Amino acid sequence: MTELAGLQPLPRKPSAIILDHNWWGFIYNPCGVQIRHLIGVDKILWSSDFPHHHGDWPRSVAIVEEQFAGVDEEEKFQIVRGNALERYGIETDGPKTYQEEVAATRR
C-alpha cells in the first residue's frame, strides 16, 4: 500500500485502534448494554450524569436494574463502578471489585 498525502498506512484497522484507545460512556443505552461484548466490557462506563436534569437521578438504581436485566452481576459491577474506579484511579473505602462487594455483603 502506498502513502497518501504523506501519511503512512495504519498498521491495523481503525476499528481495532479505537477499541484499544477509547472508553465508551453512556447514561441510558439498553442497546449498548446488549452489545457490550463487541465493545469490550472493560471499556464501558455507565453514568447517571447527576446533577444534570437529563440524567436519571433519583431513579438511578431502578434504571440500572432495568438496563442491566439479565446481565452477569460481575459485568454489571464492572460497567457501573469498577471501570470508573480503575480508569480514573479513584480511591475508595468501598468494594473495588465485584468479589469484594459480595464478600462485604456476607459479613
N, C-alpha and C. Protein backbone atom coordinates (compact mmCIF):
# COMPACT_ATOMS: atom_id res chain seq x y z
N MET A 1 0.86 -1.18 0.00
CA MET A 1 0.00 0.00 0.00
C MET A 1 0.90 1.24 0.00
N THR A 2 0.56 2.22 -0.77
CA THR A 2 1.38 3.43 -0.85
C THR A 2 0.83 4.48 0.09
N GLU A 3 1.70 5.44 0.40
CA GLU A 3 1.24 6.51 1.28
C GLU A 3 0.36 7.48 0.51
N LEU A 4 -0.52 8.12 1.25
CA LEU A 4 -1.47 9.06 0.66
C LEU A 4 -1.29 10.40 1.35
N ALA A 5 -1.04 11.44 0.59
CA ALA A 5 -0.87 12.79 1.13
C ALA A 5 0.21 12.82 2.21
N GLY A 6 1.24 11.98 2.04
CA GLY A 6 2.34 11.97 3.01
C GLY A 6 2.07 11.16 4.26
N LEU A 7 0.92 10.49 4.33
CA LEU A 7 0.58 9.68 5.50
C LEU A 7 0.86 8.22 5.24
N GLN A 8 1.42 7.57 6.23
CA GLN A 8 1.66 6.13 6.12
C GLN A 8 0.36 5.39 6.39
N PRO A 9 0.20 4.21 5.81
CA PRO A 9 -1.00 3.39 6.11
C PRO A 9 -1.01 3.01 7.59
N LEU A 10 -2.19 2.87 8.13
CA LEU A 10 -2.32 2.44 9.52
C LEU A 10 -1.89 0.99 9.65
N PRO A 11 -1.28 0.65 10.79
CA PRO A 11 -0.82 -0.73 10.97
C PRO A 11 -1.97 -1.72 11.20
N ARG A 12 -3.13 -1.20 11.62
CA ARG A 12 -4.30 -2.05 11.86
C ARG A 12 -5.54 -1.29 11.42
N LYS A 13 -6.67 -1.97 11.43
CA LYS A 13 -7.93 -1.32 11.08
C LYS A 13 -8.25 -0.22 12.09
N PRO A 14 -8.86 0.88 11.65
CA PRO A 14 -9.26 1.93 12.59
C PRO A 14 -10.14 1.41 13.74
N SER A 15 -11.00 0.45 13.45
CA SER A 15 -11.87 -0.09 14.50
C SER A 15 -11.07 -0.76 15.61
N ALA A 16 -9.98 -1.42 15.27
CA ALA A 16 -9.13 -2.05 16.29
C ALA A 16 -8.40 -1.00 17.11
N ILE A 17 -7.94 0.05 16.47
CA ILE A 17 -7.24 1.12 17.18
C ILE A 17 -8.19 1.83 18.13
N ILE A 18 -9.41 2.10 17.68
CA ILE A 18 -10.42 2.75 18.53
C ILE A 18 -10.70 1.91 19.77
N LEU A 19 -10.87 0.61 19.60
CA LEU A 19 -11.17 -0.24 20.75
C LEU A 19 -10.03 -0.26 21.75
N ASP A 20 -8.80 -0.09 21.31
CA ASP A 20 -7.65 -0.06 22.21
C ASP A 20 -7.52 1.25 22.98
N HIS A 21 -8.02 2.34 22.41
CA HIS A 21 -7.72 3.65 22.97
C HIS A 21 -8.91 4.46 23.46
N ASN A 22 -10.11 3.94 23.34
CA ASN A 22 -11.29 4.71 23.73
C ASN A 22 -12.10 4.00 24.80
N TRP A 23 -12.73 4.79 25.64
CA TRP A 23 -13.69 4.31 26.63
C TRP A 23 -15.05 4.81 26.17
N TRP A 24 -16.09 4.03 26.38
CA TRP A 24 -17.43 4.34 25.90
C TRP A 24 -18.33 4.60 27.10
N GLY A 25 -18.83 5.81 27.21
CA GLY A 25 -19.71 6.17 28.32
C GLY A 25 -21.14 6.33 27.85
N PHE A 26 -22.07 6.04 28.73
CA PHE A 26 -23.48 6.21 28.39
C PHE A 26 -24.27 6.48 29.66
N ILE A 27 -25.44 7.10 29.48
CA ILE A 27 -26.37 7.32 30.57
C ILE A 27 -27.48 6.29 30.48
N TYR A 28 -28.14 6.25 29.34
CA TYR A 28 -29.22 5.28 29.13
C TYR A 28 -29.05 4.70 27.74
N ASN A 29 -28.68 3.43 27.67
CA ASN A 29 -28.43 2.82 26.37
C ASN A 29 -28.59 1.30 26.47
N PRO A 30 -29.84 0.82 26.52
CA PRO A 30 -30.06 -0.62 26.59
C PRO A 30 -29.39 -1.39 25.45
N CYS A 31 -29.35 -0.81 24.26
CA CYS A 31 -28.69 -1.49 23.13
C CYS A 31 -27.19 -1.60 23.37
N GLY A 32 -26.59 -0.55 23.92
CA GLY A 32 -25.17 -0.59 24.24
C GLY A 32 -24.84 -1.67 25.25
N VAL A 33 -25.72 -1.86 26.21
CA VAL A 33 -25.52 -2.92 27.20
C VAL A 33 -25.57 -4.27 26.51
N GLN A 34 -26.48 -4.44 25.57
CA GLN A 34 -26.62 -5.72 24.88
C GLN A 34 -25.41 -6.06 24.00
N ILE A 35 -24.75 -5.05 23.44
CA ILE A 35 -23.59 -5.31 22.58
C ILE A 35 -22.26 -5.09 23.31
N ARG A 36 -22.30 -5.14 24.61
CA ARG A 36 -21.12 -4.84 25.44
C ARG A 36 -19.91 -5.71 25.09
N HIS A 37 -20.13 -6.92 24.63
CA HIS A 37 -19.01 -7.80 24.32
C HIS A 37 -18.34 -7.42 23.00
N LEU A 38 -19.05 -6.73 22.12
CA LEU A 38 -18.42 -6.24 20.89
C LEU A 38 -17.49 -5.07 21.19
N ILE A 39 -17.88 -4.26 22.15
CA ILE A 39 -17.09 -3.09 22.55
C ILE A 39 -15.98 -3.50 23.50
N GLY A 40 -16.32 -4.37 24.43
CA GLY A 40 -15.40 -4.79 25.49
C GLY A 40 -15.93 -4.29 26.83
N VAL A 41 -16.33 -5.19 27.68
CA VAL A 41 -16.90 -4.83 28.98
C VAL A 41 -15.94 -3.94 29.77
N ASP A 42 -14.66 -4.12 29.56
CA ASP A 42 -13.66 -3.33 30.30
C ASP A 42 -13.50 -1.91 29.77
N LYS A 43 -14.22 -1.55 28.72
CA LYS A 43 -14.10 -0.21 28.12
C LYS A 43 -15.39 0.60 28.19
N ILE A 44 -16.36 0.15 29.01
CA ILE A 44 -17.66 0.81 29.06
C ILE A 44 -17.86 1.42 30.45
N LEU A 45 -18.36 2.66 30.48
CA LEU A 45 -18.62 3.38 31.73
C LEU A 45 -20.07 3.86 31.75
N TRP A 46 -20.83 3.42 32.75
CA TRP A 46 -22.19 3.92 32.93
C TRP A 46 -22.14 5.21 33.74
N SER A 47 -23.12 6.08 33.52
CA SER A 47 -23.20 7.34 34.26
C SER A 47 -24.65 7.70 34.54
N SER A 48 -24.87 8.30 35.69
CA SER A 48 -26.21 8.83 35.98
C SER A 48 -26.29 10.30 35.57
N ASP A 49 -25.14 10.91 35.32
CA ASP A 49 -25.00 12.31 34.95
C ASP A 49 -25.61 13.24 36.00
N PHE A 50 -25.63 12.80 37.25
CA PHE A 50 -26.08 13.66 38.34
C PHE A 50 -25.15 14.85 38.43
N PRO A 51 -25.59 16.05 38.62
CA PRO A 51 -26.93 16.53 38.95
C PRO A 51 -27.66 17.14 37.76
N HIS A 52 -27.28 16.84 36.55
CA HIS A 52 -27.93 17.45 35.39
C HIS A 52 -29.35 16.92 35.20
N HIS A 53 -30.23 17.76 34.72
CA HIS A 53 -31.65 17.43 34.61
C HIS A 53 -31.94 16.27 33.66
N HIS A 54 -31.08 16.01 32.69
CA HIS A 54 -31.33 14.93 31.74
C HIS A 54 -30.81 13.57 32.25
N GLY A 55 -30.20 13.56 33.42
CA GLY A 55 -29.75 12.30 34.00
C GLY A 55 -30.93 11.52 34.57
N ASP A 56 -30.66 10.35 35.10
CA ASP A 56 -31.75 9.51 35.60
C ASP A 56 -31.91 9.56 37.12
N TRP A 57 -31.12 10.36 37.82
CA TRP A 57 -31.29 10.51 39.26
C TRP A 57 -32.62 11.20 39.53
N PRO A 58 -33.41 10.81 40.48
CA PRO A 58 -33.16 9.90 41.60
C PRO A 58 -33.55 8.45 41.32
N ARG A 59 -33.78 8.08 40.08
CA ARG A 59 -34.18 6.72 39.73
C ARG A 59 -33.01 5.88 39.23
N SER A 60 -31.80 6.28 39.55
CA SER A 60 -30.61 5.63 39.00
C SER A 60 -30.59 4.12 39.26
N VAL A 61 -30.87 3.70 40.47
CA VAL A 61 -30.81 2.27 40.79
C VAL A 61 -31.85 1.50 39.96
N ALA A 62 -33.06 2.03 39.86
CA ALA A 62 -34.10 1.36 39.07
C ALA A 62 -33.72 1.31 37.60
N ILE A 63 -33.14 2.39 37.10
CA ILE A 63 -32.74 2.44 35.69
C ILE A 63 -31.63 1.42 35.41
N VAL A 64 -30.66 1.32 36.33
CA VAL A 64 -29.59 0.33 36.16
C VAL A 64 -30.17 -1.08 36.15
N GLU A 65 -31.07 -1.36 37.07
CA GLU A 65 -31.68 -2.69 37.12
C GLU A 65 -32.44 -3.00 35.83
N GLU A 66 -33.12 -2.00 35.30
CA GLU A 66 -33.86 -2.19 34.04
C GLU A 66 -32.91 -2.43 32.87
N GLN A 67 -31.90 -1.57 32.72
CA GLN A 67 -30.97 -1.69 31.60
C GLN A 67 -30.12 -2.94 31.65
N PHE A 68 -29.77 -3.37 32.86
CA PHE A 68 -28.86 -4.49 33.03
C PHE A 68 -29.57 -5.79 33.38
N ALA A 69 -30.86 -5.86 33.14
CA ALA A 69 -31.61 -7.09 33.41
C ALA A 69 -30.99 -8.24 32.63
N GLY A 70 -30.67 -9.31 33.31
CA GLY A 70 -30.09 -10.48 32.67
C GLY A 70 -28.58 -10.42 32.47
N VAL A 71 -27.96 -9.31 32.85
CA VAL A 71 -26.51 -9.17 32.70
C VAL A 71 -25.84 -9.77 33.94
N ASP A 72 -24.78 -10.50 33.73
CA ASP A 72 -23.98 -11.08 34.80
C ASP A 72 -23.63 -9.98 35.82
N GLU A 73 -23.78 -10.29 37.11
CA GLU A 73 -23.54 -9.30 38.17
C GLU A 73 -22.11 -8.76 38.15
N GLU A 74 -21.15 -9.59 37.82
CA GLU A 74 -19.76 -9.12 37.77
C GLU A 74 -19.57 -8.11 36.64
N GLU A 75 -20.18 -8.37 35.48
CA GLU A 75 -20.10 -7.42 34.37
C GLU A 75 -20.82 -6.12 34.72
N LYS A 76 -21.97 -6.23 35.35
CA LYS A 76 -22.71 -5.03 35.75
C LYS A 76 -21.87 -4.18 36.70
N PHE A 77 -21.26 -4.81 37.70
CA PHE A 77 -20.39 -4.09 38.63
C PHE A 77 -19.28 -3.38 37.88
N GLN A 78 -18.65 -4.09 36.95
CA GLN A 78 -17.54 -3.53 36.20
C GLN A 78 -17.96 -2.28 35.42
N ILE A 79 -19.10 -2.35 34.74
CA ILE A 79 -19.55 -1.22 33.93
C ILE A 79 -20.06 -0.06 34.79
N VAL A 80 -20.80 -0.38 35.84
CA VAL A 80 -21.41 0.66 36.67
C VAL A 80 -20.40 1.31 37.61
N ARG A 81 -19.42 0.56 38.10
CA ARG A 81 -18.50 1.11 39.09
C ARG A 81 -17.04 0.78 38.83
N GLY A 82 -16.73 -0.48 38.61
CA GLY A 82 -15.35 -0.94 38.56
C GLY A 82 -14.48 -0.26 37.51
N ASN A 83 -14.99 -0.10 36.30
CA ASN A 83 -14.20 0.52 35.24
C ASN A 83 -13.85 1.97 35.58
N ALA A 84 -14.78 2.70 36.17
CA ALA A 84 -14.51 4.10 36.54
C ALA A 84 -13.44 4.17 37.62
N LEU A 85 -13.53 3.28 38.61
CA LEU A 85 -12.51 3.25 39.67
C LEU A 85 -11.13 3.04 39.07
N GLU A 86 -11.04 2.09 38.16
CA GLU A 86 -9.75 1.78 37.53
C GLU A 86 -9.30 2.90 36.60
N ARG A 87 -10.18 3.33 35.71
CA ARG A 87 -9.82 4.32 34.68
C ARG A 87 -9.35 5.63 35.29
N TYR A 88 -10.05 6.08 36.32
CA TYR A 88 -9.73 7.38 36.91
C TYR A 88 -8.91 7.29 38.18
N GLY A 89 -8.48 6.09 38.57
CA GLY A 89 -7.65 5.93 39.76
C GLY A 89 -8.34 6.39 41.02
N ILE A 90 -9.62 6.11 41.14
CA ILE A 90 -10.40 6.57 42.29
C ILE A 90 -10.12 5.67 43.49
N GLU A 91 -9.74 6.29 44.57
CA GLU A 91 -9.52 5.57 45.83
C GLU A 91 -10.83 5.54 46.60
N THR A 92 -11.18 4.39 47.14
CA THR A 92 -12.42 4.26 47.88
C THR A 92 -12.24 3.27 49.02
N ASP A 93 -13.01 3.47 50.07
CA ASP A 93 -13.03 2.51 51.17
C ASP A 93 -14.00 1.38 50.85
N GLY A 94 -14.82 1.58 49.84
CA GLY A 94 -15.81 0.59 49.45
C GLY A 94 -15.21 -0.48 48.55
N PRO A 95 -16.02 -1.42 48.12
CA PRO A 95 -15.54 -2.51 47.25
C PRO A 95 -14.96 -1.98 45.94
N LYS A 96 -13.85 -2.56 45.55
CA LYS A 96 -13.20 -2.17 44.29
C LYS A 96 -13.43 -3.21 43.20
N THR A 97 -13.92 -4.38 43.60
CA THR A 97 -14.23 -5.44 42.64
C THR A 97 -15.56 -6.06 43.03
N TYR A 98 -16.14 -6.80 42.12
CA TYR A 98 -17.40 -7.47 42.41
C TYR A 98 -17.20 -8.48 43.55
N GLN A 99 -16.08 -9.17 43.56
CA GLN A 99 -15.82 -10.15 44.60
C GLN A 99 -15.76 -9.48 45.97
N GLU A 100 -15.16 -8.30 46.07
CA GLU A 100 -15.12 -7.56 47.34
C GLU A 100 -16.52 -7.13 47.75
N GLU A 101 -17.34 -6.74 46.79
CA GLU A 101 -18.72 -6.34 47.10
C GLU A 101 -19.50 -7.54 47.67
N VAL A 102 -19.36 -8.69 47.04
CA VAL A 102 -20.05 -9.88 47.52
C VAL A 102 -19.56 -10.24 48.92
N ALA A 103 -18.25 -10.19 49.14
CA ALA A 103 -17.70 -10.51 50.46
C ALA A 103 -18.22 -9.55 51.53
N ALA A 104 -18.34 -8.27 51.16
CA ALA A 104 -18.82 -7.26 52.12
C ALA A 104 -20.27 -7.49 52.50
N THR A 105 -21.07 -7.99 51.58
CA THR A 105 -22.49 -8.23 51.89
C THR A 105 -22.69 -9.50 52.70
N ARG A 106 -21.68 -10.35 52.76
CA ARG A 106 -21.80 -11.61 53.52
C ARG A 106 -21.29 -11.48 54.94
N ARG A 107 -20.76 -10.33 55.31
CA ARG A 107 -20.25 -10.14 56.68
C ARG A 107 -21.36 -10.00 57.66
